[in-house]
Amino acid sequence: MDYKKIAEIDRLLEAKESRFNHEKYLAEKYKATLISFMLNIPGEIKSTELTKKFQKRYIEIIDKILKDEDIKILHRQFREKVTGDECFFVVDEDATKVKKLMASLEESKKEARLLDIDVFDKDMNQISRDSLGYPNRKCLICDNSAKYCMRMNSHKYEDLIIETKRLLERKHEKED
């Protein structure tokens, strides 16, 4: 048995449960649309200076999108986690409209494939890309569906790590 891998999976599952509980708390407290934003980072190390810069830049972009659309932010929170930093926005707007805006952002650039933006309505129902007619998310490496490539184990783990780092650095270089 690979106890290190089991411990990593346990840690990720605990983080996912903690995030879900926090999302539920925010939804119950505000009774409004919730945006939950993380990064899709393969590998054991989910939070680095590079991922933090990248995510903070996209938090600014989300802020701008919401401002440009006159969407009021009721609450915004950033949580640093070893399993990947989390950002939550509670907004006063229809969840479907917000999901469309966030899905457009996720599709906007190749490096945006690293974005993981979930949107929930005031009753904590997740608004899916599929329900709005958006295609499945694309793989980091090829243009196939990310789900397909994961299921088929299409790419080497090392290649995913290299491509993720390249995308993070590409975005970082564009900012300088």
Foldseek 3Di string as FASTA:
>chain_A
DPVVVVVLVVVLVVVVVVVLVVVVVVLVVPLFKKKKKWFQADDSAADDPLRVVVVVVVVVVLVVVCVVVVKDWPDWDWADDRSTIMIMTGIHDAQVVSVVVLVCQCVVDLLSLGMDMWMAGSVRHTDDCVVVPHDARAPSPDRHHVVVCVVVVVDDSVVSNVSNVVSSVVVVVVVD
